[in-house]
N, C-alpha and C. Protein backbone atom coordinates (compact mmCIF):
# COMPACT_ATOMS: atom_id res chain seq x y z
N UNK A 1 1.42 120.09 -91.34
CA UNK A 1 2.47 120.45 -92.22
C UNK A 1 1.88 122.52 -91.66
N UNK A 2 3.73 122.03 -91.32
CA UNK A 2 4.22 124.10 -91.06
C UNK A 2 5.09 124.50 -92.03
N UNK A 3 4.98 125.61 -92.82
CA UNK A 3 6.16 126.24 -93.08
C UNK A 3 7.08 126.97 -91.90
N UNK A 4 8.18 126.61 -92.51
CA UNK A 4 9.42 126.66 -91.36
C UNK A 4 9.87 127.94 -92.17
N UNK A 5 9.75 128.59 -93.37
CA UNK A 5 10.83 129.41 -93.75
C UNK A 5 10.58 129.86 -95.34
N UNK A 6 10.04 131.02 -94.96
CA UNK A 6 9.39 131.77 -96.16
C UNK A 6 10.67 133.02 -96.74
N UNK A 7 11.72 132.57 -97.76
CA UNK A 7 12.40 133.21 -97.83
C UNK A 7 12.62 133.09 -99.68
N UNK A 8 12.83 134.07 -100.17
CA UNK A 8 13.18 134.05 -101.73
C UNK A 8 14.94 135.51 -101.82
N UNK A 9 15.39 135.25 -102.50
CA UNK A 9 16.62 136.09 -102.62
C UNK A 9 17.57 135.37 -103.90
N UNK A 10 17.53 136.35 -104.99
CA UNK A 10 18.16 136.04 -106.13
C UNK A 10 19.73 136.57 -105.86
N UNK A 11 20.40 135.59 -106.71
CA UNK A 11 22.11 135.72 -106.77
C UNK A 11 22.49 137.34 -106.54
N UNK A 12 21.98 137.92 -107.42
CA UNK A 12 21.92 139.35 -107.17
C UNK A 12 22.07 140.48 -106.08
N UNK A 13 20.97 139.80 -105.21
CA UNK A 13 20.20 140.39 -103.97
C UNK A 13 19.05 141.42 -104.72
N UNK A 14 19.00 141.29 -105.67
CA UNK A 14 17.65 141.99 -105.96
C UNK A 14 16.27 141.19 -106.19
N UNK A 15 15.07 141.49 -106.20
CA UNK A 15 14.22 141.00 -106.31
C UNK A 15 13.95 140.60 -107.15
N UNK A 16 13.82 141.57 -108.15
CA UNK A 16 13.39 141.67 -109.59
C UNK A 16 14.57 140.66 -110.71
N UNK A 17 15.40 140.09 -109.96
CA UNK A 17 16.61 138.67 -110.76
C UNK A 17 15.78 138.20 -110.21
N UNK A 18 15.19 137.63 -109.26
CA UNK A 18 14.94 136.19 -108.23
C UNK A 18 13.65 135.35 -109.43
N UNK A 19 14.77 134.21 -109.73
CA UNK A 19 13.92 133.14 -110.43
C UNK A 19 13.54 131.79 -109.49
N UNK A 20 12.91 132.00 -108.47
CA UNK A 20 12.24 130.88 -107.90
C UNK A 20 10.84 131.70 -107.20
N UNK A 21 9.83 130.70 -106.89
CA UNK A 21 8.95 131.21 -106.25
C UNK A 21 7.82 130.15 -105.64
N UNK A 22 7.33 130.27 -104.78
CA UNK A 22 6.76 128.94 -104.04
C UNK A 22 5.11 129.60 -103.75
N UNK A 23 4.66 128.65 -103.67
CA UNK A 23 3.35 128.18 -103.09
C UNK A 23 2.51 127.67 -102.04
N UNK A 24 1.84 127.70 -101.34
CA UNK A 24 1.13 127.15 -100.47
C UNK A 24 -0.46 127.39 -100.69
N UNK A 25 -0.95 126.53 -101.71
CA UNK A 25 -2.41 126.82 -101.92
C UNK A 25 -3.08 126.90 -101.15
N UNK A 26 -4.13 127.89 -101.09
CA UNK A 26 -5.23 128.01 -100.09
C UNK A 26 -6.03 127.12 -99.61
N UNK A 27 -6.02 126.04 -100.43
CA UNK A 27 -6.95 124.90 -99.78
C UNK A 27 -5.91 123.78 -99.31
N UNK A 28 -4.73 124.15 -99.25
CA UNK A 28 -3.72 123.44 -98.47
C UNK A 28 -3.41 121.89 -99.34
N UNK A 29 -4.08 122.06 -100.42
CA UNK A 29 -4.20 120.63 -101.42
C UNK A 29 -2.12 120.62 -101.50
N UNK A 30 -2.05 121.32 -102.16
CA UNK A 30 -0.25 121.33 -102.55
C UNK A 30 0.71 122.48 -102.07
N UNK A 31 1.79 122.44 -101.81
CA UNK A 31 2.73 123.19 -101.51
C UNK A 31 3.82 122.68 -102.29
N UNK A 32 3.77 123.82 -103.35
CA UNK A 32 4.87 123.80 -104.29
C UNK A 32 6.26 124.59 -104.03
N UNK A 33 7.64 124.29 -104.16
CA UNK A 33 8.49 125.75 -104.29
C UNK A 33 9.39 125.05 -106.01
N UNK A 34 9.68 126.19 -106.54
CA UNK A 34 9.81 126.23 -108.14
C UNK A 34 11.45 127.29 -108.07
N UNK A 35 12.33 126.30 -108.76
CA UNK A 35 13.38 127.13 -108.83
C UNK A 35 13.51 127.09 -110.30
N UNK A 36 13.23 128.44 -110.85
CA UNK A 36 13.51 128.91 -112.49
C UNK A 36 14.82 128.46 -112.60
N UNK A 37 15.21 127.57 -113.84
CA UNK A 37 16.73 127.57 -114.53
C UNK A 37 16.62 129.03 -115.16
N UNK A 38 18.22 129.42 -114.73
CA UNK A 38 18.98 130.35 -115.25
C UNK A 38 18.97 130.67 -116.66
N UNK A 39 18.35 131.39 -117.87
CA UNK A 39 18.38 130.99 -119.11
C UNK A 39 19.37 131.05 -119.59
N UNK A 40 20.05 130.02 -120.69
CA UNK A 40 21.32 130.43 -121.53
C UNK A 40 21.24 131.15 -122.77
N UNK A 41 19.76 132.00 -122.89
CA UNK A 41 19.84 132.80 -123.78
C UNK A 41 19.23 134.20 -123.34
N UNK A 42 19.26 135.29 -124.37
CA UNK A 42 18.68 136.49 -124.02
C UNK A 42 17.03 137.01 -124.00
N UNK A 43 16.45 135.70 -124.49
CA UNK A 43 14.73 135.86 -124.60
C UNK A 43 14.64 136.81 -123.22
N UNK A 44 13.25 137.23 -123.59
CA UNK A 44 12.29 137.58 -122.29
C UNK A 44 10.95 137.20 -122.75
N UNK A 45 10.31 137.26 -121.70
CA UNK A 45 8.86 137.01 -121.85
C UNK A 45 8.24 138.25 -121.54
N UNK A 46 6.45 138.24 -122.11
CA UNK A 46 5.79 139.08 -121.19
C UNK A 46 5.48 138.67 -120.26
N UNK A 47 5.27 139.59 -118.99
CA UNK A 47 5.27 139.04 -117.55
C UNK A 47 3.55 139.72 -117.05
N UNK A 48 3.19 139.84 -116.17
CA UNK A 48 2.37 140.65 -115.84
C UNK A 48 2.38 141.72 -115.37
N UNK A 49 1.49 143.23 -115.75
CA UNK A 49 1.84 144.36 -115.45
C UNK A 49 2.89 144.48 -116.89
N UNK A 50 3.35 143.99 -117.71
CA UNK A 50 4.12 144.98 -118.80
C UNK A 50 5.68 144.35 -118.50
N UNK A 51 5.76 143.48 -117.42
CA UNK A 51 7.35 143.27 -116.88
C UNK A 51 7.72 142.39 -117.84
N UNK A 52 8.99 142.43 -117.76
CA UNK A 52 9.94 141.37 -118.77
C UNK A 52 10.36 140.70 -118.01
N UNK A 53 9.65 139.26 -117.94
CA UNK A 53 10.29 138.19 -117.30
C UNK A 53 11.50 137.26 -117.88
N UNK A 54 12.55 136.60 -117.44
CA UNK A 54 13.54 135.69 -118.11
C UNK A 54 12.89 134.57 -117.91
N UNK A 55 13.38 133.44 -118.81
CA UNK A 55 12.78 131.67 -119.06
C UNK A 55 12.06 131.93 -117.69
N UNK A 56 13.60 131.56 -116.64
CA UNK A 56 13.16 131.11 -115.35
C UNK A 56 12.03 131.40 -114.43
N UNK A 57 11.54 132.78 -114.75
CA UNK A 57 10.81 133.81 -114.16
C UNK A 57 9.60 133.60 -114.85
N UNK A 58 9.64 132.89 -115.94
CA UNK A 58 8.27 132.55 -116.53
C UNK A 58 7.68 131.78 -115.78
N UNK A 59 8.72 130.55 -116.53
CA UNK A 59 8.46 129.14 -115.76
C UNK A 59 7.96 129.04 -114.30
N UNK A 60 8.39 129.81 -113.31
CA UNK A 60 8.12 129.80 -112.78
C UNK A 60 6.49 130.24 -112.23
N UNK A 61 6.48 131.18 -113.05
CA UNK A 61 4.79 132.11 -113.12
C UNK A 61 4.00 130.76 -113.32
N UNK A 62 4.54 130.41 -115.09
CA UNK A 62 3.33 129.21 -115.44
C UNK A 62 2.88 128.57 -114.53
N UNK A 63 4.03 127.93 -113.78
CA UNK A 63 3.99 126.39 -112.81
C UNK A 63 2.92 126.77 -111.68
N UNK A 64 3.18 128.32 -110.79
CA UNK A 64 2.27 128.44 -109.82
C UNK A 64 0.75 128.89 -110.24
N UNK A 65 1.08 129.46 -111.20
CA UNK A 65 -0.59 129.63 -111.72
C UNK A 65 -1.31 128.46 -112.15
N UNK A 66 -0.50 127.60 -112.72
CA UNK A 66 -1.31 126.16 -112.91
C UNK A 66 -1.45 125.63 -111.71
N UNK A 67 -0.81 125.57 -110.54
CA UNK A 67 -1.34 124.43 -109.88
C UNK A 67 -2.36 125.36 -108.97
N UNK A 68 -2.86 126.04 -109.15
CA UNK A 68 -4.00 126.64 -108.81
C UNK A 68 -5.34 126.06 -109.11
N UNK A 69 -5.41 125.42 -110.18
CA UNK A 69 -6.38 124.86 -110.95
C UNK A 69 -6.18 123.30 -110.98
N UNK A 70 -5.39 122.27 -110.66
CA UNK A 70 -5.29 121.36 -110.79
C UNK A 70 -5.90 120.47 -109.48
N UNK A 71 -6.85 119.53 -109.68
CA UNK A 71 -7.52 119.00 -108.59
C UNK A 71 -6.67 118.04 -107.41
N UNK A 72 -6.64 118.44 -106.15
CA UNK A 72 -6.29 117.88 -105.27
C UNK A 72 -5.86 116.50 -104.94
N UNK A 73 -6.94 115.60 -105.71
CA UNK A 73 -6.26 114.53 -105.78
C UNK A 73 -5.43 113.71 -106.76
N UNK A 74 -4.81 115.20 -107.96
CA UNK A 74 -4.21 114.36 -109.18
C UNK A 74 -2.99 113.63 -108.35
N UNK A 75 -2.49 113.28 -109.40
CA UNK A 75 -1.43 111.97 -108.83
C UNK A 75 0.13 112.77 -109.61
N UNK A 76 1.29 112.11 -109.49
CA UNK A 76 2.33 113.03 -109.32
C UNK A 76 2.57 113.19 -111.09
N UNK A 77 1.92 112.23 -112.31
CA UNK A 77 2.10 112.15 -113.53
C UNK A 77 1.41 113.51 -114.45
N UNK A 78 -0.20 113.17 -113.64
CA UNK A 78 -0.73 114.28 -114.43
C UNK A 78 -0.22 115.68 -113.40
N UNK A 79 0.16 115.69 -112.39
CA UNK A 79 0.61 117.13 -111.92
C UNK A 79 1.89 117.89 -113.02
N UNK A 80 2.56 116.86 -113.27
CA UNK A 80 3.59 117.09 -114.17
C UNK A 80 3.00 117.55 -115.51
N UNK A 81 2.23 117.10 -116.28
CA UNK A 81 2.07 117.07 -117.38
C UNK A 81 1.06 118.26 -117.08
N UNK A 82 0.01 118.80 -116.47
CA UNK A 82 -0.48 119.71 -116.66
C UNK A 82 0.87 120.82 -116.31
N UNK A 83 2.03 120.91 -115.43
CA UNK A 83 2.57 122.25 -115.38
C UNK A 83 3.26 122.07 -116.33
N UNK A 84 3.59 120.95 -117.51
CA UNK A 84 4.57 120.82 -118.85
C UNK A 84 3.72 121.65 -119.77
N UNK A 85 2.02 121.36 -119.95
CA UNK A 85 1.41 122.26 -120.83
C UNK A 85 1.09 123.79 -121.09
N UNK A 86 0.97 123.80 -119.29
CA UNK A 86 0.95 125.42 -119.44
C UNK A 86 2.25 126.18 -119.67
N UNK A 87 3.19 125.57 -119.62
CA UNK A 87 4.50 126.56 -120.60
C UNK A 87 4.46 126.30 -121.76
N UNK A 88 4.15 124.98 -122.24
CA UNK A 88 3.76 124.86 -123.92
C UNK A 88 2.78 126.30 -124.21
N UNK A 89 1.40 125.90 -123.52
CA UNK A 89 0.64 126.80 -123.88
C UNK A 89 1.47 128.35 -123.84
N UNK A 90 2.17 128.55 -123.20
CA UNK A 90 2.61 129.91 -123.12
C UNK A 90 3.14 130.43 -124.44
N UNK A 91 4.25 128.96 -124.67
CA UNK A 91 5.03 128.94 -126.38
C UNK A 91 4.22 129.33 -127.50
N UNK A 92 2.88 128.80 -127.59
CA UNK A 92 1.55 128.43 -128.54
C UNK A 92 1.40 129.80 -128.39
N UNK A 93 0.96 130.66 -127.40
CA UNK A 93 0.48 132.00 -127.22
C UNK A 93 1.51 133.09 -128.11
N UNK A 94 2.82 132.88 -127.54
CA UNK A 94 3.59 133.82 -127.65
C UNK A 94 4.39 133.44 -129.54
N UNK A 95 3.77 131.99 -130.37
CA UNK A 95 4.12 131.92 -131.41
C UNK A 95 5.24 131.09 -131.56
N UNK A 96 5.88 130.58 -130.63
CA UNK A 96 7.43 130.25 -130.12
C UNK A 96 7.36 128.76 -130.28
N UNK A 97 6.20 127.69 -130.05
CA UNK A 97 6.16 126.30 -130.10
C UNK A 97 7.02 125.64 -130.85
N UNK A 98 7.35 126.25 -131.96
CA UNK A 98 8.42 125.19 -133.13
C UNK A 98 9.50 125.60 -132.89
N UNK A 99 9.62 126.68 -132.23
CA UNK A 99 11.17 127.08 -132.16
C UNK A 99 11.72 126.63 -131.17
N UNK A 100 10.68 126.49 -129.78
CA UNK A 100 10.99 125.85 -128.67
C UNK A 100 11.59 124.37 -128.71
N UNK A 101 10.48 123.78 -129.46
CA UNK A 101 10.74 122.09 -129.83
C UNK A 101 12.15 121.68 -130.54
N UNK A 102 12.72 122.91 -131.23
CA UNK A 102 13.71 122.70 -132.04
C UNK A 102 15.20 123.09 -131.29
N UNK A 103 14.77 124.23 -130.46
CA UNK A 103 16.01 124.83 -129.77
C UNK A 103 15.98 124.66 -128.22
N UNK A 104 16.71 123.55 -127.33
CA UNK A 104 16.10 123.43 -126.26
C UNK A 104 17.00 124.97 -125.05
N UNK A 105 17.61 125.40 -125.68
CA UNK A 105 18.30 126.37 -125.09
C UNK A 105 17.16 127.76 -124.70
N UNK A 106 16.72 127.85 -125.64
CA UNK A 106 15.53 128.57 -125.88
C UNK A 106 14.46 128.35 -124.67
N UNK A 107 14.25 127.73 -124.06
CA UNK A 107 12.96 126.48 -123.37
C UNK A 107 13.38 127.96 -121.82
N UNK A 108 11.92 127.91 -121.49
CA UNK A 108 11.59 128.57 -120.09
C UNK A 108 11.78 127.13 -119.18
N UNK A 109 12.63 126.43 -118.25
CA UNK A 109 12.54 125.78 -117.38
C UNK A 109 12.64 126.21 -115.94
N UNK A 110 12.12 124.79 -114.96
CA UNK A 110 12.39 125.04 -113.90
C UNK A 110 12.26 123.56 -113.08
N UNK A 111 12.87 123.22 -111.71
CA UNK A 111 13.24 122.41 -111.07
C UNK A 111 12.08 122.53 -109.99
N UNK A 112 11.49 121.44 -109.65
CA UNK A 112 9.98 121.98 -108.82
C UNK A 112 10.10 121.09 -107.71
N UNK A 113 9.62 121.06 -106.69
CA UNK A 113 9.47 120.19 -105.53
C UNK A 113 7.76 120.57 -105.36
N UNK A 114 6.90 119.53 -105.08
CA UNK A 114 5.88 119.77 -104.52
C UNK A 114 5.33 118.55 -103.90
N UNK A 115 4.56 119.03 -102.40
CA UNK A 115 3.77 118.36 -101.38
C UNK A 115 2.40 118.03 -101.91
N UNK A 116 1.94 116.20 -101.93
CA UNK A 116 0.69 116.64 -101.81
C UNK A 116 0.07 116.08 -100.58
N UNK A 117 -0.86 117.19 -100.28
CA UNK A 117 -1.68 116.86 -98.94
C UNK A 117 -2.41 115.70 -98.92
N UNK A 118 -2.68 115.45 -100.23
CA UNK A 118 -4.16 114.31 -100.46
C UNK A 118 -3.28 113.15 -99.89
N UNK A 119 -2.13 113.11 -101.18
CA UNK A 119 -1.46 111.84 -101.29
C UNK A 119 -0.46 112.14 -99.92
N UNK A 120 0.09 112.80 -99.45
CA UNK A 120 0.92 112.57 -98.36
C UNK A 120 2.32 112.06 -99.33
N UNK A 121 2.68 113.01 -100.46
CA UNK A 121 3.69 112.58 -101.33
C UNK A 121 4.31 113.72 -101.52
N UNK A 122 5.92 113.65 -101.55
CA UNK A 122 6.57 114.71 -102.20
C UNK A 122 7.49 114.46 -103.51
N UNK A 123 6.86 114.75 -104.68
CA UNK A 123 7.14 114.65 -106.05
C UNK A 123 8.79 115.84 -106.23
N UNK A 124 9.40 115.17 -106.95
CA UNK A 124 10.57 116.22 -107.09
C UNK A 124 10.49 115.52 -108.67
N UNK A 125 11.23 117.20 -109.43
CA UNK A 125 10.82 117.54 -110.60
C UNK A 125 12.58 118.14 -111.15
N UNK A 126 13.26 117.40 -111.54
CA UNK A 126 14.27 118.24 -112.18
C UNK A 126 15.30 118.12 -111.17
N UNK A 127 16.50 118.94 -110.63
CA UNK A 127 17.67 119.11 -110.49
C UNK A 127 17.49 120.10 -108.64
N UNK A 128 16.77 118.89 -108.26
CA UNK A 128 15.94 119.83 -106.54
C UNK A 128 16.58 118.40 -105.58
N UNK A 129 16.19 119.07 -104.31
CA UNK A 129 16.11 118.34 -102.97
C UNK A 129 15.04 118.78 -102.15
N UNK A 130 14.55 117.44 -101.00
CA UNK A 130 14.27 118.27 -100.21
C UNK A 130 14.66 117.72 -98.61
N UNK A 131 14.12 118.42 -97.33
CA UNK A 131 14.51 117.96 -96.46
C UNK A 131 12.78 117.98 -95.78
N UNK A 132 12.65 116.46 -95.09
CA UNK A 132 11.52 116.10 -94.80
C UNK A 132 11.52 115.96 -93.09
N UNK A 133 10.86 116.52 -92.28
CA UNK A 133 11.34 116.98 -91.12
C UNK A 133 9.44 116.55 -90.46
N UNK A 134 9.57 115.04 -90.01
CA UNK A 134 8.34 114.48 -89.27
C UNK A 134 8.13 115.11 -87.97
N UNK A 135 6.68 115.33 -87.17
CA UNK A 135 6.26 115.56 -86.49
C UNK A 135 7.40 115.23 -85.15
N UNK A 136 7.82 113.58 -85.22
CA UNK A 136 8.97 113.39 -83.79
C UNK A 136 10.56 113.68 -84.10
N UNK A 137 10.63 115.25 -85.16
CA UNK A 137 11.80 115.65 -85.32
C UNK A 137 12.91 114.59 -86.34
N UNK A 138 12.53 113.06 -87.21
CA UNK A 138 13.55 112.98 -87.39
C UNK A 138 13.12 113.31 -88.62
N UNK A 139 14.29 113.56 -89.50
CA UNK A 139 14.37 113.85 -90.62
C UNK A 139 15.04 112.72 -92.25
N UNK A 140 14.08 113.08 -93.06
CA UNK A 140 14.28 112.58 -94.08
C UNK A 140 15.24 113.46 -95.54
N UNK A 141 16.19 113.12 -95.94
CA UNK A 141 16.50 114.05 -97.37
C UNK A 141 16.10 113.20 -98.12
N UNK A 142 15.62 113.96 -99.44
CA UNK A 142 15.22 113.20 -100.74
C UNK A 142 15.99 114.17 -101.68
N UNK A 143 16.18 113.22 -102.40
CA UNK A 143 17.35 113.83 -103.46
C UNK A 143 16.89 113.30 -104.76
N UNK A 144 17.35 113.58 -105.76
CA UNK A 144 16.66 113.27 -107.14
C UNK A 144 18.08 113.28 -107.97
N UNK A 145 19.56 112.16 -107.27
CA UNK A 145 20.85 112.53 -107.94
C UNK A 145 20.90 112.01 -109.42
N UNK A 146 21.86 112.70 -109.97
CA UNK A 146 22.27 112.45 -111.55
C UNK A 146 23.51 111.72 -111.24
N UNK A 147 23.77 110.90 -112.58
CA UNK A 147 24.93 110.11 -112.56
C UNK A 147 26.44 111.13 -113.17
N UNK A 148 26.22 112.23 -113.98
CA UNK A 148 27.03 113.09 -113.97
C UNK A 148 27.44 113.58 -112.73
N UNK A 149 26.25 113.84 -111.82
CA UNK A 149 27.09 114.52 -110.61
C UNK A 149 28.04 113.58 -109.64
N UNK A 150 27.61 112.16 -110.01
CA UNK A 150 28.72 111.06 -108.74
C UNK A 150 29.69 110.76 -109.55
N UNK A 151 29.90 111.41 -111.13
CA UNK A 151 30.85 111.29 -111.94
C UNK A 151 31.80 112.50 -111.43
N UNK A 152 31.60 113.53 -111.29
CA UNK A 152 32.12 114.53 -111.50
C UNK A 152 32.82 114.53 -110.00
N UNK A 153 32.02 114.65 -109.08
CA UNK A 153 32.46 113.82 -107.62
C UNK A 153 33.97 112.88 -107.73
N UNK A 154 33.34 112.05 -108.18
CA UNK A 154 34.58 111.14 -108.14
C UNK A 154 36.01 111.35 -109.04
N UNK A 155 35.70 112.31 -109.90
CA UNK A 155 37.12 112.72 -110.61
C UNK A 155 37.81 113.99 -109.56
N UNK A 156 36.87 114.54 -109.10
CA UNK A 156 37.63 115.30 -108.03
C UNK A 156 38.24 114.70 -107.15
N UNK A 157 37.64 114.08 -106.05
CA UNK A 157 37.86 112.99 -105.16
C UNK A 157 39.53 112.57 -105.73
N UNK A 158 39.45 112.05 -107.31
CA UNK A 158 40.93 111.47 -107.47
C UNK A 158 42.14 112.23 -107.86
N UNK A 159 41.22 113.21 -108.27
CA UNK A 159 42.57 114.32 -108.76
C UNK A 159 42.80 114.66 -107.24
């Protein structure tokens, strides 16, 4: 496994606004790229060092932190459950769990691509994609297509 690019930038160009993150776990068991969803609410979260985080930033922080404690042989379902639970624990810690159950707009969410070295698998969670480049330079685009995207594209073509 070779990391070929390490670059993060927010839409505004300011690092403080960035809602993305990545981690190559120290033992190499997982490589994770996280795209925090831009929040539709004005809610902020208490982050490390007292910094206020958007929902997308909070989701990125929780996912990357939790990834460090997941067993290297975990399967995709186990990993997704652990990452979801990490965010839910933050809701409970902040006394907001019931509100988050009722109002999805308030939730901190992210799309995630994870490579499991132990399983030699790439997992896509949410609206994301990955390009796998093999040692022989053959490529494979991994997508998570949604019906709404296909319908929208068809309407645009028809129009």
